[in-house]
Amino acid sequence: MKSNSGGIDRIVRVLAGIALLAWVILFNGPALAYIGIVPLATGIIGWCPAYTIFGINTCKN
């Protein structure tokens, strides 16, 4: 897997994932907020499968 997410993109994904998970865990948010696992994981590993499908690359190589 070649990295296709840039620095700012990864930071935003990690923060969004943490916010969604905190919402559901700390504030009894809806179960759908567990979807925050996806942006958190893609932000940590730096690879997004949707970017691959659509040919998007925000990473400076």
PDB file of N, CA and C in Angstrom:
ATOM      1  N   MET A   1       0.831  -1.171   0.000  1.00  0.00           N
ATOM      2  CA  MET A   1       0.000   0.000   0.000  1.00  0.00           C
ATOM      3  C   MET A   1       0.878   1.237   0.000  1.00  0.00           C
ATOM      4  N   LYS A   2       0.757   2.018  -1.021  1.00  0.00           N
ATOM      5  CA  LYS A   2       1.499   3.254  -1.129  1.00  0.00           C
ATOM      6  C   LYS A   2       0.690   4.375  -0.486  1.00  0.00           C
ATOM      7  N   SER A   3       1.335   5.209   0.287  1.00  0.00           N
ATOM      8  CA  SER A   3       0.657   6.295   0.980  1.00  0.00           C
ATOM      9  C   SER A   3       0.005   7.244  -0.017  1.00  0.00           C
ATOM     10  N   ASN A   4      -1.256   7.614   0.234  1.00  0.00           N
ATOM     11  CA  ASN A   4      -1.939   8.554  -0.650  1.00  0.00           C
ATOM     12  C   ASN A   4      -2.631   9.673   0.138  1.00  0.00           C
ATOM     13  N   SER A   5      -2.311   9.803   1.417  1.00  0.00           N
ATOM     14  CA  SER A   5      -2.871  10.866   2.252  1.00  0.00           C
ATOM     15  C   SER A   5      -1.742  11.752   2.753  1.00  0.00           C
ATOM     16  N   GLY A   6      -1.886  13.058   2.541  1.00  0.00           N
ATOM     17  CA  GLY A   6      -0.875  14.010   2.967  1.00  0.00           C
ATOM     18  C   GLY A   6      -0.962  14.341   4.445  1.00  0.00           C
ATOM     19  N   GLY A   7      -0.069  15.174   4.912  1.00  0.00           N
ATOM     20  CA  GLY A   7       0.052  15.500   6.326  1.00  0.00           C
ATOM     21  C   GLY A   7      -1.188  16.126   6.941  1.00  0.00           C
ATOM     22  N   ILE A   8      -1.696  17.195   6.330  1.00  0.00           N
ATOM     23  CA  ILE A   8      -2.877  17.866   6.871  1.00  0.00           C
ATOM     24  C   ILE A   8      -4.084  16.947   6.772  1.00  0.00           C
ATOM     25  N   ASP A   9      -4.206  16.225   5.686  1.00  0.00           N
ATOM     26  CA  ASP A   9      -5.297  15.269   5.492  1.00  0.00           C
ATOM     27  C   ASP A   9      -5.298  14.228   6.608  1.00  0.00           C
ATOM     28  N   ARG A  10      -4.133  13.720   6.935  1.00  0.00           N
ATOM     29  CA  ARG A  10      -4.021  12.701   7.982  1.00  0.00           C
ATOM     30  C   ARG A  10      -4.381  13.278   9.352  1.00  0.00           C
ATOM     31  N   ILE A  11      -3.940  14.490   9.631  1.00  0.00           N
ATOM     32  CA  ILE A  11      -4.248  15.122  10.914  1.00  0.00           C
ATOM     33  C   ILE A  11      -5.753  15.326  11.068  1.00  0.00           C
ATOM     34  N   VAL A  12      -6.399  15.817  10.015  1.00  0.00           N
ATOM     35  CA  VAL A  12      -7.845  16.045  10.058  1.00  0.00           C
ATOM     36  C   VAL A  12      -8.587  14.728  10.257  1.00  0.00           C
ATOM     37  N   ARG A  13      -8.146  13.671   9.584  1.00  0.00           N
ATOM     38  CA  ARG A  13      -8.790  12.364   9.725  1.00  0.00           C
ATOM     39  C   ARG A  13      -8.654  11.830  11.155  1.00  0.00           C
ATOM     40  N   VAL A  14      -7.466  11.934  11.714  1.00  0.00           N
ATOM     41  CA  VAL A  14      -7.251  11.436  13.078  1.00  0.00           C
ATOM     42  C   VAL A  14      -8.099  12.225  14.070  1.00  0.00           C
ATOM     43  N   LEU A  15      -8.126  13.538  13.949  1.00  0.00           N
ATOM     44  CA  LEU A  15      -8.924  14.351  14.857  1.00  0.00           C
ATOM     45  C   LEU A  15     -10.413  14.068  14.712  1.00  0.00           C
ATOM     46  N   ALA A  16     -10.887  13.902  13.485  1.00  0.00           N
ATOM     47  CA  ALA A  16     -12.298  13.584  13.262  1.00  0.00           C
ATOM     48  C   ALA A  16     -12.645  12.222  13.853  1.00  0.00           C
ATOM     49  N   GLY A  17     -11.771  11.256  13.672  1.00  0.00           N
ATOM     50  CA  GLY A  17     -12.003   9.929  14.227  1.00  0.00           C
ATOM     51  C   GLY A  17     -12.044   9.935  15.734  1.00  0.00           C
ATOM     52  N   ILE A  18     -11.116  10.653  16.354  1.00  0.00           N
ATOM     53  CA  ILE A  18     -11.090  10.749  17.809  1.00  0.00           C
ATOM     54  C   ILE A  18     -12.349  11.456  18.315  1.00  0.00           C
ATOM     55  N   ALA A  19     -12.758  12.526  17.630  1.00  0.00           N
ATOM     56  CA  ALA A  19     -13.955  13.268  18.050  1.00  0.00           C
ATOM     57  C   ALA A  19     -15.199  12.389  17.984  1.00  0.00           C
ATOM     58  N   LEU A  20     -15.358  11.633  16.913  1.00  0.00           N
ATOM     59  CA  LEU A  20     -16.527  10.760  16.788  1.00  0.00           C
ATOM     60  C   LEU A  20     -16.532   9.670  17.852  1.00  0.00           C
ATOM     61  N   LEU A  21     -15.384   9.067  18.075  1.00  0.00           N
ATOM     62  CA  LEU A  21     -15.309   8.014  19.083  1.00  0.00           C
ATOM     63  C   LEU A  21     -15.518   8.571  20.489  1.00  0.00           C
ATOM     64  N   ALA A  22     -14.998   9.760  20.760  1.00  0.00           N
ATOM     65  CA  ALA A  22     -15.204  10.382  22.070  1.00  0.00           C
ATOM     66  C   ALA A  22     -16.679  10.700  22.270  1.00  0.00           C
ATOM     67  N   TRP A  23     -17.334  11.133  21.203  1.00  0.00           N
ATOM     68  CA  TRP A  23     -18.762  11.451  21.282  1.00  0.00           C
ATOM     69  C   TRP A  23     -19.564  10.228  21.712  1.00  0.00           C
ATOM     70  N   VAL A  24     -19.289   9.102  21.072  1.00  0.00           N
ATOM     71  CA  VAL A  24     -20.075   7.905  21.381  1.00  0.00           C
ATOM     72  C   VAL A  24     -19.688   7.300  22.730  1.00  0.00           C
ATOM     73  N   ILE A  25     -18.434   7.387  23.105  1.00  0.00           N
ATOM     74  CA  ILE A  25     -17.982   6.758  24.347  1.00  0.00           C
ATOM     75  C   ILE A  25     -18.268   7.642  25.565  1.00  0.00           C
ATOM     76  N   LEU A  26     -17.926   8.905  25.474  1.00  0.00           N
ATOM     77  CA  LEU A  26     -18.045   9.788  26.640  1.00  0.00           C
ATOM     78  C   LEU A  26     -19.424  10.423  26.802  1.00  0.00           C
ATOM     79  N   PHE A  27     -20.082  10.709  25.693  1.00  0.00           N
ATOM     80  CA  PHE A  27     -21.335  11.457  25.750  1.00  0.00           C
ATOM     81  C   PHE A  27     -22.538  10.646  25.287  1.00  0.00           C
ATOM     82  N   ASN A  28     -22.380   9.335  25.220  1.00  0.00           N
ATOM     83  CA  ASN A  28     -23.476   8.440  24.851  1.00  0.00           C
ATOM     84  C   ASN A  28     -24.108   8.834  23.512  1.00  0.00           C
ATOM     85  N   GLY A  29     -23.258   9.113  22.533  1.00  0.00           N
ATOM     86  CA  GLY A  29     -23.741   9.460  21.200  1.00  0.00           C
ATOM     87  C   GLY A  29     -24.319   8.244  20.499  1.00  0.00           C
ATOM     88  N   PRO A  30     -24.802   8.442  19.282  1.00  0.00           N
ATOM     89  CA  PRO A  30     -25.405   7.325  18.551  1.00  0.00           C
ATOM     90  C   PRO A  30     -24.356   6.282  18.172  1.00  0.00           C
ATOM     91  N   ALA A  31     -24.808   5.053  18.042  1.00  0.00           N
ATOM     92  CA  ALA A  31     -23.890   3.958  17.705  1.00  0.00           C
ATOM     93  C   ALA A  31     -23.231   4.182  16.343  1.00  0.00           C
ATOM     94  N   LEU A  32     -23.883   4.925  15.482  1.00  0.00           N
ATOM     95  CA  LEU A  32     -23.324   5.208  14.160  1.00  0.00           C
ATOM     96  C   LEU A  32     -22.000   5.979  14.260  1.00  0.00           C
ATOM     97  N   ALA A  33     -21.763   6.645  15.368  1.00  0.00           N
ATOM     98  CA  ALA A  33     -20.527   7.400  15.549  1.00  0.00           C
ATOM     99  C   ALA A  33     -19.304   6.493  15.642  1.00  0.00           C
ATOM    100  N   TYR A  34     -19.514   5.193  15.827  1.00  0.00           N
ATOM    101  CA  TYR A  34     -18.382   4.266  15.800  1.00  0.00           C
ATOM    102  C   TYR A  34     -17.717   4.236  14.429  1.00  0.00           C
ATOM    103  N   ILE A  35     -18.339   4.832  13.441  1.00  0.00           N
ATOM    104  CA  ILE A  35     -17.735   4.946  12.115  1.00  0.00           C
ATOM    105  C   ILE A  35     -16.438   5.767  12.202  1.00  0.00           C
ATOM    106  N   GLY A  36     -16.228   6.452  13.319  1.00  0.00           N
ATOM    107  CA  GLY A  36     -15.000   7.207  13.540  1.00  0.00           C
ATOM    108  C   GLY A  36     -13.752   6.342  13.510  1.00  0.00           C
ATOM    109  N   ILE A  37     -13.932   5.042  13.630  1.00  0.00           N
ATOM    110  CA  ILE A  37     -12.797   4.119  13.530  1.00  0.00           C
ATOM    111  C   ILE A  37     -12.167   4.208  12.138  1.00  0.00           C
ATOM    112  N   VAL A  38     -12.989   4.420  11.124  1.00  0.00           N
ATOM    113  CA  VAL A  38     -12.490   4.453   9.740  1.00  0.00           C
ATOM    114  C   VAL A  38     -11.553   5.642   9.506  1.00  0.00           C
ATOM    115  N   PRO A  39     -11.972   6.886   9.759  1.00  0.00           N
ATOM    116  CA  PRO A  39     -11.011   7.978   9.539  1.00  0.00           C
ATOM    117  C   PRO A  39      -9.798   7.906  10.459  1.00  0.00           C
ATOM    118  N   LEU A  40      -9.993   7.395  11.662  1.00  0.00           N
ATOM    119  CA  LEU A  40      -8.857   7.246  12.569  1.00  0.00           C
ATOM    120  C   LEU A  40      -7.836   6.271  11.990  1.00  0.00           C
ATOM    121  N   ALA A  41      -8.299   5.137  11.523  1.00  0.00           N
ATOM    122  CA  ALA A  41      -7.389   4.130  10.956  1.00  0.00           C
ATOM    123  C   ALA A  41      -6.717   4.628   9.683  1.00  0.00           C
ATOM    124  N   THR A  42      -7.484   5.246   8.779  1.00  0.00           N
ATOM    125  CA  THR A  42      -6.888   5.721   7.532  1.00  0.00           C
ATOM    126  C   THR A  42      -5.917   6.873   7.787  1.00  0.00           C
ATOM    127  N   GLY A  43      -6.182   7.668   8.801  1.00  0.00           N
ATOM    128  CA  GLY A  43      -5.257   8.741   9.152  1.00  0.00           C
ATOM    129  C   GLY A  43      -3.961   8.215   9.738  1.00  0.00           C
ATOM    130  N   ILE A  44      -4.053   7.161  10.520  1.00  0.00           N
ATOM    131  CA  ILE A  44      -2.857   6.586  11.134  1.00  0.00           C
ATOM    132  C   ILE A  44      -1.987   5.878  10.101  1.00  0.00           C
ATOM    133  N   ILE A  45      -2.601   5.091   9.216  1.00  0.00           N
ATOM    134  CA  ILE A  45      -1.795   4.341   8.253  1.00  0.00           C
ATOM    135  C   ILE A  45      -1.431   5.161   7.021  1.00  0.00           C
ATOM    136  N   GLY A  46      -2.153   6.263   6.769  1.00  0.00           N
ATOM    137  CA  GLY A  46      -1.811   7.130   5.645  1.00  0.00           C
ATOM    138  C   GLY A  46      -2.277   6.633   4.293  1.00  0.00           C
ATOM    139  N   TRP A  47      -3.217   5.721   4.280  1.00  0.00           N
ATOM    140  CA  TRP A  47      -3.723   5.175   3.015  1.00  0.00           C
ATOM    141  C   TRP A  47      -5.238   5.116   3.073  1.00  0.00           C
ATOM    142  N   CYS A  48      -5.887   5.643   2.048  1.00  0.00           N
ATOM    143  CA  CYS A  48      -7.343   5.659   1.986  1.00  0.00           C
ATOM    144  C   CYS A  48      -7.801   4.874   0.753  1.00  0.00           C
ATOM    145  N   PRO A  49      -8.591   3.812   0.936  1.00  0.00           N
ATOM    146  CA  PRO A  49      -9.043   3.037  -0.209  1.00  0.00           C
ATOM    147  C   PRO A  49      -9.919   3.850  -1.163  1.00  0.00           C
ATOM    148  N   ALA A  50     -10.708   4.774  -0.655  1.00  0.00           N
ATOM    149  CA  ALA A  50     -11.543   5.606  -1.531  1.00  0.00           C
ATOM    150  C   ALA A  50     -10.677   6.492  -2.425  1.00  0.00           C
ATOM    151  N   TYR A  51      -9.575   7.006  -1.900  1.00  0.00           N
ATOM    152  CA  TYR A  51      -8.662   7.803  -2.705  1.00  0.00           C
ATOM    153  C   TYR A  51      -8.092   6.963  -3.848  1.00  0.00           C
ATOM    154  N   THR A  52      -7.800   5.712  -3.568  1.00  0.00           N
ATOM    155  CA  THR A  52      -7.273   4.828  -4.601  1.00  0.00           C
ATOM    156  C   THR A  52      -8.295   4.627  -5.712  1.00  0.00           C
ATOM    157  N   ILE A  53      -9.542   4.416  -5.348  1.00  0.00           N
ATOM    158  CA  ILE A  53     -10.601   4.188  -6.337  1.00  0.00           C
ATOM    159  C   ILE A  53     -10.786   5.404  -7.239  1.00  0.00           C
ATOM    160  N   PHE A  54     -10.779   6.600  -6.646  1.00  0.00           N
ATOM    161  CA  PHE A  54     -11.014   7.821  -7.411  1.00  0.00           C
ATOM    162  C   PHE A  54      -9.745   8.466  -7.954  1.00  0.00           C
ATOM    163  N   GLY A  55      -8.582   7.892  -7.688  1.00  0.00           N
ATOM    164  CA  GLY A  55      -7.325   8.399  -8.219  1.00  0.00           C
ATOM    165  C   GLY A  55      -6.847   9.676  -7.552  1.00  0.00           C
ATOM    166  N   ILE A  56      -7.191   9.879  -6.302  1.00  0.00           N
ATOM    167  CA  ILE A  56      -6.801  11.081  -5.563  1.00  0.00           C
ATOM    168  C   ILE A  56      -5.530  10.785  -4.776  1.00  0.00           C
ATOM    169  N   ASN A  57      -4.640  11.760  -4.716  1.00  0.00           N
ATOM    170  CA  ASN A  57      -3.416  11.605  -3.939  1.00  0.00           C
ATOM    171  C   ASN A  57      -3.070  12.965  -3.332  1.00  0.00           C
ATOM    172  N   THR A  58      -3.162  13.100  -2.018  1.00  0.00           N
ATOM    173  CA  THR A  58      -2.830  14.353  -1.348  1.00  0.00           C
ATOM    174  C   THR A  58      -1.444  14.313  -0.729  1.00  0.00           C
ATOM    175  N   CYS A  59      -0.730  13.222  -0.940  1.00  0.00           N
ATOM    176  CA  CYS A  59       0.604  13.050  -0.371  1.00  0.00           C
ATOM    177  C   CYS A  59       1.646  13.643  -1.310  1.00  0.00           C
ATOM    178  N   LYS A  60       2.571  14.406  -0.739  1.00  0.00           N
ATOM    179  CA  LYS A  60       3.673  14.956  -1.538  1.00  0.00           C
ATOM    180  C   LYS A  60       4.775  13.907  -1.601  1.00  0.00           C
ATOM    181  N   ASN A  61       4.954  13.337  -2.747  1.00  0.00           N
ATOM    182  CA  ASN A  61       5.981  12.289  -2.935  1.00  0.00           C
ATOM    183  C   ASN A  61       7.243  12.877  -3.490  1.00  0.00           C
TER     184      ASN A  61
END
